Protein backbone atom coordinates (compact mmCIF):
# COMPACT_ATOMS: atom_id res chain seq x y z
CA MET A 1 40.42 77.81 127.00
CA ILE A 2 43.32 75.40 127.40
CA ASP A 3 44.08 74.14 130.90
CA GLU A 4 47.73 75.17 131.29
CA GLY A 5 48.26 72.69 134.10
CA LEU A 6 46.98 69.84 131.95
CA LEU A 7 49.13 70.98 129.05
CA THR A 8 52.24 70.98 131.23
CA TYR A 9 51.31 67.54 132.57
CA LEU A 10 50.91 66.05 129.09
CA GLU A 11 54.16 67.67 127.92
CA GLY A 12 55.90 65.41 130.40
CA TYR A 13 55.04 62.44 128.16
CA ILE A 14 56.77 63.74 125.03
CA THR A 15 60.45 64.35 124.34
CA GLU A 16 62.13 67.74 124.10
CA ASN A 17 62.92 66.94 120.48
CA ARG A 18 59.23 66.41 119.74
CA LYS A 19 58.35 69.72 121.44
CA GLU A 20 60.92 71.54 119.31
CA THR A 21 59.58 69.86 116.17
CA PHE A 22 56.02 70.95 117.01
CA GLU A 23 57.14 74.54 117.58
CA LYS A 24 59.14 74.61 114.35
CA VAL A 25 56.26 73.24 112.28
CA LEU A 26 53.76 75.59 113.93
CA SER A 27 55.94 78.58 113.02
CA GLU A 28 55.42 77.70 109.34
CA ARG A 29 51.70 76.84 109.50
CA THR A 30 49.15 79.06 107.79
CA ARG A 31 45.43 79.61 107.37
CA HIS A 32 46.01 82.29 104.75
CA PHE A 33 45.36 79.57 102.18
CA THR A 34 43.18 76.51 102.46
CA VAL A 35 42.14 73.62 100.20
CA VAL A 36 38.65 72.41 99.33
CA LEU A 37 38.12 68.90 97.97
CA GLU A 38 34.77 68.63 96.17
CA ASP A 39 33.54 65.05 95.78
CA ILE A 40 36.93 63.38 95.39
CA TYR A 41 36.22 59.66 95.16
CA GLN A 42 39.71 58.19 94.81
CA PRO A 43 41.21 57.79 98.33
CA HIS A 44 44.78 57.99 97.02
CA ASN A 45 44.07 61.37 95.40
CA ALA A 46 42.50 62.90 98.50
CA SER A 47 45.27 61.45 100.65
CA ALA A 48 48.02 62.85 98.44
CA VAL A 49 46.45 66.31 98.62
CA VAL A 50 46.24 66.07 102.42
CA ARG A 51 49.91 65.11 102.50
CA SER A 52 50.82 68.12 100.35
CA CYS A 53 48.86 70.42 102.65
CA ASP A 54 50.93 69.24 105.59
CA ILE A 55 54.18 69.50 103.65
CA PHE A 56 53.53 73.08 102.54
CA GLY A 57 52.08 74.22 105.87
CA VAL A 58 48.39 74.57 104.98
CA GLN A 59 46.56 73.68 108.19
CA ASP A 60 42.94 73.25 107.06
CA VAL A 61 41.29 71.01 104.50
CA TYR A 62 37.59 71.24 103.62
CA ALA A 63 35.99 68.10 102.20
CA ILE A 64 32.63 68.36 100.41
CA GLU A 65 30.90 64.97 100.27
CA ASN A 66 27.78 65.27 98.12
CA SER A 67 28.13 62.02 96.18
CA PHE A 68 31.30 60.43 97.53
CA THR A 69 32.83 59.98 100.97
CA ASN A 70 36.23 61.57 101.37
CA LYS A 71 38.52 58.80 102.55
CA VAL A 72 42.16 59.08 103.55
CA SER A 73 44.58 56.26 102.84
CA LYS A 74 47.08 55.94 105.67
CA HIS A 75 49.65 54.48 103.28
CA VAL A 76 49.50 57.54 101.01
CA ALA A 77 48.90 60.26 103.61
CA LYS A 78 51.79 58.92 105.76
CA GLY A 79 50.06 60.08 108.95
CA SER A 80 49.80 63.69 107.78
CA GLN A 81 46.04 63.71 108.40
CA LYS A 82 46.48 63.72 112.19
CA TRP A 83 48.31 67.05 112.07
CA LEU A 84 45.63 68.85 110.03
CA ASN A 85 42.10 70.10 110.65
CA ILE A 86 39.84 68.30 108.18
CA ASN A 87 36.37 69.84 107.98
CA ARG A 88 33.79 67.55 106.38
CA TYR A 89 30.50 68.63 104.79
CA LYS A 90 28.27 65.60 104.31
CA GLU A 91 24.85 66.38 105.82
CA ASP A 92 22.66 67.11 102.78
CA GLY A 93 22.52 68.25 99.18
CA ASP A 94 23.62 71.79 100.08
CA ASN A 95 27.05 70.72 101.28
CA THR A 96 28.87 72.79 98.68
CA LYS A 97 26.90 75.92 99.55
CA ASP A 98 27.38 75.34 103.28
CA CYS A 99 31.12 74.96 102.81
CA LEU A 100 31.45 78.10 100.70
CA ASP A 101 29.33 80.07 103.15
CA ASP A 102 31.59 79.02 106.03
CA LEU A 103 34.72 79.89 104.08
CA ARG A 104 33.42 83.33 103.18
CA LYS A 105 32.54 84.00 106.82
CA LYS A 106 36.20 83.28 107.59
CA GLY A 107 37.31 85.81 105.00
CA TYR A 108 38.30 83.52 102.13
CA GLN A 109 37.81 84.24 98.47
CA ILE A 110 36.77 81.12 96.54
CA ILE A 111 39.15 80.14 93.74
CA GLY A 112 38.14 77.30 91.43
CA THR A 113 41.01 75.37 89.89
CA THR A 114 40.34 74.51 86.25
CA PRO A 115 42.24 74.60 82.95
CA HIS A 116 39.04 75.01 80.93
CA THR A 117 38.12 78.65 81.64
CA ASP A 118 39.70 82.03 81.20
CA SER A 119 41.56 81.45 84.45
CA CYS A 120 44.36 83.38 86.08
CA VAL A 121 47.73 81.78 85.37
CA LEU A 122 49.38 80.52 88.56
CA SER A 123 52.41 82.81 88.31
CA ASP A 124 50.09 85.85 88.11
CA PHE A 125 47.87 84.88 91.03
CA ASP A 126 47.66 87.49 93.81
CA VAL A 127 48.90 85.67 96.92
CA THR A 128 48.14 88.57 99.26
CA LYS A 129 44.45 87.63 99.34
CA LYS A 130 43.15 84.97 101.73
CA SER A 131 42.12 82.17 99.35
CA ALA A 132 40.41 78.77 99.32
CA PHE A 133 41.45 76.64 96.35
CA VAL A 134 38.71 74.27 95.19
CA PHE A 135 39.68 71.02 93.49
CA GLY A 136 36.84 69.15 91.81
CA THR A 137 36.02 65.52 91.16
CA GLU A 138 38.54 63.53 89.13
CA LYS A 139 36.77 63.44 85.74
CA GLU A 140 34.45 66.43 85.59
CA GLY A 141 36.42 68.85 87.74
CA ILE A 142 34.73 71.56 89.79
CA SER A 143 30.92 71.60 89.82
CA ASP A 144 28.71 74.08 88.00
CA TYR A 145 27.86 75.57 91.38
CA ILE A 146 31.52 76.33 92.06
CA LYS A 147 31.89 77.76 88.56
CA LYS A 148 28.93 80.06 89.25
CA GLU A 149 29.86 81.08 92.79
CA ALA A 150 33.66 81.28 92.64
CA ASP A 151 35.36 84.64 93.00
CA GLY A 152 37.99 83.63 90.49
CA PHE A 153 39.70 80.74 88.69
CA LEU A 154 43.25 79.47 88.58
CA LYS A 155 45.17 77.32 86.14
CA ILE A 156 48.61 75.82 85.75
CA PRO A 157 50.11 76.50 82.29
CA MET A 158 50.44 73.31 80.23
CA VAL A 159 52.05 72.91 76.83
CA GLY A 160 51.64 69.21 76.13
CA PHE A 161 48.88 67.16 74.51
CA THR A 162 47.27 66.31 77.86
CA GLU A 163 44.71 68.88 79.02
CA SER A 164 44.85 68.36 82.76
CA LEU A 165 46.99 67.24 85.67
CA ASN A 166 46.11 64.69 88.31
CA ILE A 167 44.43 66.52 91.20
CA SER A 168 47.16 65.64 93.68
CA VAL A 169 49.88 66.89 91.33
CA ALA A 170 47.97 70.10 90.61
CA ALA A 171 47.44 70.74 94.33
CA ALA A 172 51.14 70.22 95.10
CA ILE A 173 52.27 72.59 92.33
CA ILE A 174 49.80 75.29 93.37
CA LEU A 175 50.52 75.07 97.10
CA GLN A 176 54.27 75.09 96.64
CA ASP A 177 54.07 78.16 94.44
CA VAL A 178 51.62 80.26 96.47
CA THR A 179 53.10 79.48 99.89
CA THR A 180 56.63 80.24 98.71
CA ARG A 181 55.59 83.60 97.28
CA MET A 182 53.38 84.37 100.29
CA LYS A 183 56.28 84.06 102.73
CA LYS A 184 58.32 86.62 100.81
CA LEU A 185 55.69 89.34 101.28
CA PRO A 186 54.94 91.55 104.30
CA ILE A 187 51.53 89.98 104.99
CA ASP A 188 50.16 88.38 108.15
CA TRP A 189 50.13 84.73 107.05
CA LYS A 190 51.15 83.01 110.28
CA LEU A 191 48.89 81.49 112.92
CA SER A 192 48.09 83.54 116.01
CA ASP A 193 49.65 82.56 119.34
CA VAL A 194 46.26 81.24 120.46
CA GLU A 195 45.91 79.08 117.34
CA LYS A 196 49.43 77.74 117.78
CA LYS A 197 48.77 76.77 121.40
CA GLU A 198 45.48 75.06 120.51
CA LEU A 199 47.17 72.99 117.81
CA TYR A 200 50.15 72.26 120.03
CA PHE A 201 47.75 70.88 122.64
CA GLU A 202 45.93 68.74 120.05
CA TRP A 203 49.20 67.45 118.61
CA ILE A 204 50.39 66.37 122.03
CA LYS A 205 47.14 64.47 122.55
CA ASN A 206 47.63 62.85 119.14
CA THR A 207 51.14 61.79 120.14
CA VAL A 208 50.84 60.35 123.65
CA LYS A 209 49.36 56.91 124.29
CA ASN A 210 45.91 56.75 125.87
CA PRO A 211 45.44 60.54 126.19
CA GLU A 212 41.90 60.13 127.58
CA LYS A 213 43.17 58.03 130.48
CA LEU A 214 45.99 60.48 131.17
CA ILE A 215 43.56 63.39 131.22
CA GLU A 216 41.19 61.48 133.48
CA TYR A 217 44.05 60.66 135.84
CA TYR A 218 45.24 64.29 135.87
CA TYR A 219 41.85 65.63 136.95
CA LYS A 220 41.37 62.83 139.45
CA GLU A 221 44.68 63.68 141.11
CA LEU A 222 43.88 67.39 140.93
CA LYS A 223 40.55 66.82 142.68
CA LEU A 224 42.19 64.71 145.37
CA GLY A 225 44.79 67.41 145.90
CA GLU A 226 42.10 70.05 146.31
CA GLY A 227 40.41 67.89 148.95
CA GLU A 228 43.48 67.78 151.17
């Protein structure tokens, strides 16, 4: 539960323009789609995908770290990482299973992205279903576990000699297509009011300087006021 008094207090440290920007961005955010990065070892690739998620309004990123640590390059991500929820799975060898289990509990179907199977072509993909798009490691692609457990597969049509796209390019193409089509349909793709307020609160804390000290000061003053 968000402390409304604290929220109002912290709002005093940001501009009206920033508030309006937050509200505008939140109105376009979605959890209807999400992205899963499975063992991406090139920081610039992971960072570019994170940046695309922010650009196309996808709020959550799930990072599976079985063999490699998912690192974000500030120069490539351009600060986009601080506006997203990045969920990391790095505890043990069952990270992929744990991630998929969590996603299914949240109502997602698991869609592996690969050009090497009898996949659904992007333009034919059903955007009405809540979906988690899995992007695999740079060379091998999605793991055998994902291939076995996925509810479906997705591919971008290609007509050249090259068989695959860079992961960051593929993610950008897919997200732009599915989010654009999603918004044209009568489906509930937007965040709830509660989710918007929670993110708004987190974004303010990510914006103001020394938020911990401001919060500490707020409660100190509140306690002193109650003692009067």
